[in-house]
Amino acid sequence: MTYLPADRDLAVAVGTELARARQESELSLRQVCGRMGHEISTSTLCRVENGKQGLGLEAFVHLCVALRVSPVLLLQDACAKAYHHTHRVPVGYVRLQPGGEIQVYDWGRGFGPAGAAHHPTGGTDI
């Protein structure tokens, strides 16, 4: 039986990833909202980052564009955290780090340099 994360787990994971992206970009809540044309308020963004409020798809994509991060990769990282106990996130998915470094996720070891993750069948991801 597969146990899915609670909605709150996913909201917290997405919020954590959004906050991480904003902080890595050294942007304030106000600056990010300004980049979005004040589509959402700073208090809304704060609640989203704390997992207390969700966003619609369009607002989420606009927020990712304002943060200059891939919505797909951000969701993938968030889902890996929220779904870690289900093992439903495939072993070996990749993410692009700032500076262009590609990292591969391996359940046994976490994130590492590309080519470091191995499938149980003996193959590599990249």
N, C-alpha and C. Protein backbone atom coordinates (compact mmCIF):
# COMPACT_ATOMS: atom_id res chain seq x y z
N MET A 1 0.84 -1.18 0.00
CA MET A 1 0.00 0.00 0.00
C MET A 1 0.88 1.25 0.00
N THR A 2 0.53 2.22 -0.81
CA THR A 2 1.28 3.46 -0.89
C THR A 2 0.62 4.51 -0.02
N TYR A 3 1.41 5.18 0.80
CA TYR A 3 0.90 6.24 1.65
C TYR A 3 1.34 7.58 1.07
N LEU A 4 0.37 8.37 0.67
CA LEU A 4 0.66 9.68 0.11
C LEU A 4 0.85 10.68 1.25
N PRO A 5 1.65 11.72 0.99
CA PRO A 5 1.83 12.73 2.04
C PRO A 5 0.55 13.51 2.25
N ALA A 6 0.41 14.03 3.43
CA ALA A 6 -0.73 14.91 3.70
C ALA A 6 -0.55 16.18 2.87
N ASP A 7 -1.67 16.83 2.57
CA ASP A 7 -1.59 18.09 1.81
C ASP A 7 -0.64 19.06 2.49
N ARG A 8 -0.64 19.07 3.80
CA ARG A 8 0.24 19.98 4.55
C ARG A 8 1.70 19.64 4.29
N ASP A 9 2.05 18.35 4.21
CA ASP A 9 3.44 17.96 3.93
C ASP A 9 3.90 18.52 2.59
N LEU A 10 3.05 18.41 1.59
CA LEU A 10 3.41 18.91 0.28
C LEU A 10 3.49 20.43 0.27
N ALA A 11 2.54 21.10 0.94
CA ALA A 11 2.57 22.56 1.01
C ALA A 11 3.83 23.06 1.70
N VAL A 12 4.22 22.38 2.78
CA VAL A 12 5.44 22.77 3.50
C VAL A 12 6.66 22.54 2.62
N ALA A 13 6.71 21.42 1.91
CA ALA A 13 7.86 21.13 1.05
C ALA A 13 7.97 22.14 -0.09
N VAL A 14 6.85 22.49 -0.72
CA VAL A 14 6.88 23.49 -1.80
C VAL A 14 7.29 24.84 -1.23
N GLY A 15 6.71 25.22 -0.10
CA GLY A 15 7.07 26.49 0.52
C GLY A 15 8.54 26.57 0.89
N THR A 16 9.06 25.47 1.42
CA THR A 16 10.49 25.42 1.78
C THR A 16 11.37 25.62 0.56
N GLU A 17 11.01 24.96 -0.55
CA GLU A 17 11.80 25.11 -1.78
C GLU A 17 11.70 26.52 -2.34
N LEU A 18 10.52 27.13 -2.27
CA LEU A 18 10.37 28.51 -2.74
C LEU A 18 11.19 29.47 -1.88
N ALA A 19 11.15 29.27 -0.57
CA ALA A 19 11.94 30.12 0.34
C ALA A 19 13.43 29.94 0.07
N ARG A 20 13.86 28.70 -0.14
CA ARG A 20 15.27 28.43 -0.43
C ARG A 20 15.69 29.16 -1.71
N ALA A 21 14.86 29.06 -2.74
CA ALA A 21 15.18 29.72 -4.01
C ALA A 21 15.26 31.24 -3.84
N ARG A 22 14.32 31.79 -3.08
CA ARG A 22 14.33 33.25 -2.85
C ARG A 22 15.57 33.67 -2.07
N GLN A 23 15.90 32.94 -1.03
CA GLN A 23 17.06 33.28 -0.20
C GLN A 23 18.36 33.11 -0.97
N GLU A 24 18.46 32.07 -1.80
CA GLU A 24 19.67 31.89 -2.60
C GLU A 24 19.85 33.03 -3.59
N SER A 25 18.73 33.60 -4.04
CA SER A 25 18.78 34.75 -4.96
C SER A 25 18.97 36.07 -4.23
N GLU A 26 19.02 36.00 -2.89
CA GLU A 26 19.17 37.18 -2.05
C GLU A 26 18.11 38.24 -2.33
N LEU A 27 16.85 37.76 -2.44
CA LEU A 27 15.72 38.65 -2.69
C LEU A 27 14.83 38.70 -1.46
N SER A 28 14.27 39.86 -1.21
CA SER A 28 13.30 39.99 -0.12
C SER A 28 11.92 39.56 -0.63
N LEU A 29 11.02 39.35 0.30
CA LEU A 29 9.64 39.03 -0.08
C LEU A 29 9.08 40.14 -0.97
N ARG A 30 9.32 41.37 -0.57
CA ARG A 30 8.81 42.53 -1.32
C ARG A 30 9.39 42.58 -2.75
N GLN A 31 10.68 42.28 -2.90
CA GLN A 31 11.29 42.29 -4.22
C GLN A 31 10.67 41.23 -5.13
N VAL A 32 10.44 40.05 -4.59
CA VAL A 32 9.84 38.98 -5.39
C VAL A 32 8.42 39.37 -5.81
N CYS A 33 7.64 39.90 -4.88
CA CYS A 33 6.28 40.33 -5.21
C CYS A 33 6.30 41.45 -6.25
N GLY A 34 7.28 42.33 -6.17
CA GLY A 34 7.44 43.38 -7.17
C GLY A 34 7.73 42.81 -8.55
N ARG A 35 8.57 41.78 -8.60
CA ARG A 35 8.87 41.12 -9.88
C ARG A 35 7.63 40.48 -10.48
N MET A 36 6.67 40.12 -9.62
CA MET A 36 5.43 39.51 -10.08
C MET A 36 4.36 40.55 -10.39
N GLY A 37 4.72 41.82 -10.33
CA GLY A 37 3.73 42.87 -10.55
C GLY A 37 2.70 42.92 -9.43
N HIS A 38 3.13 42.52 -8.24
CA HIS A 38 2.28 42.51 -7.04
C HIS A 38 1.03 41.66 -7.24
N GLU A 39 1.19 40.56 -8.03
CA GLU A 39 0.11 39.60 -8.23
C GLU A 39 -0.30 38.96 -6.90
N ILE A 40 0.69 38.78 -6.01
CA ILE A 40 0.40 38.31 -4.65
C ILE A 40 1.07 39.27 -3.68
N SER A 41 0.55 39.33 -2.46
CA SER A 41 1.11 40.24 -1.46
C SER A 41 2.28 39.57 -0.74
N THR A 42 3.06 40.39 -0.04
CA THR A 42 4.18 39.83 0.73
C THR A 42 3.67 38.92 1.84
N SER A 43 2.52 39.24 2.44
CA SER A 43 1.99 38.36 3.49
C SER A 43 1.54 37.03 2.91
N THR A 44 0.99 37.04 1.69
CA THR A 44 0.62 35.78 1.04
C THR A 44 1.86 34.96 0.74
N LEU A 45 2.90 35.60 0.21
CA LEU A 45 4.14 34.88 -0.09
C LEU A 45 4.74 34.30 1.18
N CYS A 46 4.69 35.04 2.26
CA CYS A 46 5.20 34.54 3.54
C CYS A 46 4.42 33.30 3.97
N ARG A 47 3.10 33.32 3.85
CA ARG A 47 2.28 32.16 4.22
C ARG A 47 2.57 30.97 3.31
N VAL A 48 2.79 31.23 2.03
CA VAL A 48 3.14 30.15 1.08
C VAL A 48 4.47 29.53 1.48
N GLU A 49 5.47 30.36 1.75
CA GLU A 49 6.79 29.85 2.12
C GLU A 49 6.75 29.04 3.42
N ASN A 50 5.81 29.36 4.30
CA ASN A 50 5.68 28.64 5.57
C ASN A 50 4.72 27.45 5.49
N GLY A 51 4.21 27.17 4.28
CA GLY A 51 3.34 26.02 4.08
C GLY A 51 1.94 26.21 4.64
N LYS A 52 1.57 27.45 4.91
CA LYS A 52 0.25 27.73 5.49
C LYS A 52 -0.79 28.08 4.44
N GLN A 53 -0.35 28.29 3.21
CA GLN A 53 -1.26 28.63 2.13
C GLN A 53 -0.69 28.07 0.83
N GLY A 54 -1.57 27.61 -0.04
CA GLY A 54 -1.15 27.12 -1.34
C GLY A 54 -1.30 28.21 -2.39
N LEU A 55 -0.86 27.90 -3.60
CA LEU A 55 -0.99 28.81 -4.74
C LEU A 55 -1.65 28.07 -5.89
N GLY A 56 -2.37 28.80 -6.70
CA GLY A 56 -2.87 28.23 -7.94
C GLY A 56 -1.71 27.99 -8.89
N LEU A 57 -1.94 27.20 -9.90
CA LEU A 57 -0.88 26.85 -10.84
C LEU A 57 -0.26 28.07 -11.51
N GLU A 58 -1.08 28.99 -11.99
CA GLU A 58 -0.56 30.17 -12.68
C GLU A 58 0.30 31.02 -11.75
N ALA A 59 -0.17 31.25 -10.54
CA ALA A 59 0.59 32.06 -9.58
C ALA A 59 1.90 31.34 -9.22
N PHE A 60 1.85 30.01 -9.09
CA PHE A 60 3.06 29.24 -8.79
C PHE A 60 4.08 29.41 -9.91
N VAL A 61 3.65 29.27 -11.15
CA VAL A 61 4.57 29.42 -12.29
C VAL A 61 5.11 30.84 -12.34
N HIS A 62 4.26 31.84 -12.14
CA HIS A 62 4.72 33.24 -12.15
C HIS A 62 5.74 33.47 -11.04
N LEU A 63 5.50 32.87 -9.89
CA LEU A 63 6.45 33.01 -8.77
C LEU A 63 7.79 32.37 -9.14
N CYS A 64 7.76 31.21 -9.75
CA CYS A 64 9.01 30.56 -10.17
C CYS A 64 9.75 31.40 -11.20
N VAL A 65 9.02 32.01 -12.12
CA VAL A 65 9.64 32.89 -13.12
C VAL A 65 10.28 34.08 -12.41
N ALA A 66 9.57 34.65 -11.43
CA ALA A 66 10.12 35.79 -10.68
C ALA A 66 11.38 35.39 -9.93
N LEU A 67 11.44 34.14 -9.47
CA LEU A 67 12.62 33.64 -8.75
C LEU A 67 13.69 33.10 -9.69
N ARG A 68 13.34 33.02 -10.98
CA ARG A 68 14.25 32.49 -12.00
C ARG A 68 14.66 31.04 -11.68
N VAL A 69 13.65 30.23 -11.32
CA VAL A 69 13.85 28.81 -11.10
C VAL A 69 12.85 28.04 -11.95
N SER A 70 13.19 26.82 -12.28
CA SER A 70 12.30 25.97 -13.04
C SER A 70 11.17 25.46 -12.15
N PRO A 71 9.91 25.69 -12.54
CA PRO A 71 8.80 25.16 -11.75
C PRO A 71 8.86 23.63 -11.66
N VAL A 72 9.29 23.00 -12.74
CA VAL A 72 9.37 21.54 -12.77
C VAL A 72 10.40 21.04 -11.76
N LEU A 73 11.58 21.62 -11.77
CA LEU A 73 12.62 21.17 -10.84
C LEU A 73 12.27 21.50 -9.40
N LEU A 74 11.65 22.66 -9.19
CA LEU A 74 11.27 23.01 -7.83
C LEU A 74 10.23 22.03 -7.30
N LEU A 75 9.23 21.69 -8.12
CA LEU A 75 8.23 20.72 -7.70
C LEU A 75 8.83 19.34 -7.49
N GLN A 76 9.78 18.99 -8.34
CA GLN A 76 10.43 17.69 -8.19
C GLN A 76 11.17 17.59 -6.86
N ASP A 77 11.89 18.63 -6.52
CA ASP A 77 12.59 18.65 -5.22
C ASP A 77 11.59 18.59 -4.07
N ALA A 78 10.50 19.37 -4.18
CA ALA A 78 9.49 19.39 -3.11
C ALA A 78 8.82 18.03 -2.98
N CYS A 79 8.49 17.41 -4.10
CA CYS A 79 7.85 16.09 -4.05
C CYS A 79 8.78 15.04 -3.48
N ALA A 80 10.07 15.15 -3.77
CA ALA A 80 11.03 14.20 -3.20
C ALA A 80 11.02 14.28 -1.68
N LYS A 81 10.85 15.49 -1.17
CA LYS A 81 10.81 15.66 0.29
C LYS A 81 9.48 15.19 0.87
N ALA A 82 8.38 15.56 0.22
CA ALA A 82 7.05 15.22 0.73
C ALA A 82 6.74 13.73 0.57
N TYR A 83 7.25 13.11 -0.49
CA TYR A 83 6.93 11.72 -0.79
C TYR A 83 8.06 10.77 -0.42
N HIS A 84 9.06 11.22 0.31
CA HIS A 84 10.24 10.39 0.56
C HIS A 84 9.90 9.03 1.15
N HIS A 85 8.86 8.95 1.93
CA HIS A 85 8.50 7.68 2.56
C HIS A 85 7.77 6.72 1.62
N THR A 86 7.33 7.19 0.44
CA THR A 86 6.58 6.34 -0.48
C THR A 86 7.47 5.69 -1.53
N HIS A 87 8.66 6.23 -1.71
CA HIS A 87 9.59 5.75 -2.75
C HIS A 87 8.97 5.84 -4.15
N ARG A 88 8.09 6.83 -4.34
CA ARG A 88 7.46 7.00 -5.64
C ARG A 88 8.23 7.95 -6.54
N VAL A 89 9.16 8.70 -6.00
CA VAL A 89 10.00 9.57 -6.83
C VAL A 89 11.09 8.68 -7.40
N PRO A 90 11.27 8.65 -8.71
CA PRO A 90 12.23 7.72 -9.30
C PRO A 90 13.65 7.98 -8.83
N VAL A 91 14.38 6.91 -8.61
CA VAL A 91 15.79 7.01 -8.27
C VAL A 91 16.51 7.63 -9.46
N GLY A 92 17.33 8.60 -9.18
CA GLY A 92 18.17 9.15 -10.24
C GLY A 92 17.61 10.35 -10.97
N TYR A 93 16.59 11.01 -10.45
CA TYR A 93 16.18 12.22 -11.14
C TYR A 93 17.26 13.28 -10.95
N VAL A 94 17.28 14.26 -11.81
CA VAL A 94 18.37 15.23 -11.80
C VAL A 94 17.84 16.61 -11.45
N ARG A 95 18.76 17.45 -10.98
CA ARG A 95 18.45 18.86 -10.80
C ARG A 95 19.69 19.66 -11.19
N LEU A 96 19.46 20.88 -11.59
CA LEU A 96 20.52 21.78 -11.99
C LEU A 96 20.76 22.76 -10.86
N GLN A 97 21.97 22.78 -10.35
CA GLN A 97 22.35 23.68 -9.27
C GLN A 97 22.74 25.04 -9.86
N PRO A 98 22.67 26.11 -9.03
CA PRO A 98 23.19 27.40 -9.49
C PRO A 98 24.64 27.22 -9.93
N GLY A 99 24.99 27.80 -11.03
CA GLY A 99 26.34 27.64 -11.56
C GLY A 99 26.42 26.54 -12.61
N GLY A 100 25.29 25.83 -12.82
CA GLY A 100 25.24 24.84 -13.89
C GLY A 100 25.63 23.43 -13.53
N GLU A 101 25.95 23.16 -12.26
CA GLU A 101 26.32 21.80 -11.86
C GLU A 101 25.07 20.92 -11.86
N ILE A 102 25.17 19.77 -12.50
CA ILE A 102 24.06 18.82 -12.50
C ILE A 102 24.27 17.83 -11.37
N GLN A 103 23.21 17.64 -10.57
CA GLN A 103 23.26 16.67 -9.49
C GLN A 103 22.20 15.61 -9.73
N VAL A 104 22.50 14.39 -9.32
CA VAL A 104 21.57 13.28 -9.46
C VAL A 104 21.18 12.80 -8.08
N TYR A 105 19.89 12.51 -7.90
CA TYR A 105 19.41 12.03 -6.61
C TYR A 105 19.44 10.50 -6.60
N ASP A 106 20.00 9.96 -5.55
CA ASP A 106 20.03 8.51 -5.33
C ASP A 106 19.49 8.29 -3.93
N TRP A 107 18.45 7.47 -3.77
CA TRP A 107 17.82 7.26 -2.47
C TRP A 107 18.82 6.84 -1.41
N GLY A 108 19.80 6.06 -1.78
CA GLY A 108 20.76 5.58 -0.80
C GLY A 108 21.75 6.63 -0.35
N ARG A 109 22.04 7.60 -1.21
CA ARG A 109 23.08 8.56 -0.91
C ARG A 109 22.64 10.01 -0.96
N GLY A 110 21.46 10.30 -1.44
CA GLY A 110 21.02 11.68 -1.57
C GLY A 110 21.54 12.28 -2.87
N PHE A 111 21.74 13.58 -2.89
CA PHE A 111 22.22 14.24 -4.10
C PHE A 111 23.73 14.12 -4.21
N GLY A 112 24.19 13.95 -5.43
CA GLY A 112 25.62 13.86 -5.69
C GLY A 112 25.88 14.30 -7.12
N PRO A 113 27.16 14.34 -7.52
CA PRO A 113 27.50 14.76 -8.88
C PRO A 113 26.89 13.83 -9.92
N ALA A 114 26.63 14.36 -11.10
CA ALA A 114 26.08 13.55 -12.18
C ALA A 114 26.96 12.33 -12.42
N GLY A 115 26.30 11.22 -12.67
CA GLY A 115 27.03 9.98 -12.91
C GLY A 115 27.30 9.19 -11.65
N ALA A 116 26.99 9.76 -10.49
CA ALA A 116 27.29 9.08 -9.23
C ALA A 116 26.18 8.14 -8.80
N ALA A 117 24.96 8.35 -9.29
CA ALA A 117 23.85 7.50 -8.87
C ALA A 117 23.79 6.26 -9.76
N HIS A 118 23.51 5.14 -9.16
CA HIS A 118 23.42 3.88 -9.88
C HIS A 118 22.09 3.21 -9.61
N HIS A 119 21.53 2.64 -10.66
CA HIS A 119 20.29 1.87 -10.50
C HIS A 119 20.63 0.52 -9.91
N PRO A 120 19.65 -0.12 -9.26
CA PRO A 120 19.88 -1.47 -8.74
C PRO A 120 20.27 -2.45 -9.83
N THR A 121 19.90 -2.15 -11.07
CA THR A 121 20.22 -3.05 -12.18
C THR A 121 21.67 -2.89 -12.63
N GLY A 122 22.36 -1.92 -12.08
CA GLY A 122 23.77 -1.72 -12.42
C GLY A 122 24.00 -0.58 -13.39
N GLY A 123 22.95 -0.02 -13.98
CA GLY A 123 23.12 1.08 -14.91
C GLY A 123 23.29 2.39 -14.18
N THR A 124 23.65 3.42 -14.90
CA THR A 124 23.76 4.75 -14.31
C THR A 124 22.67 5.63 -14.90
N ASP A 125 22.43 6.75 -14.27
CA ASP A 125 21.36 7.64 -14.72
C ASP A 125 21.77 8.53 -15.87
N ILE A 126 23.00 8.91 -15.93
CA ILE A 126 23.43 9.83 -17.00
C ILE A 126 24.59 9.21 -17.72
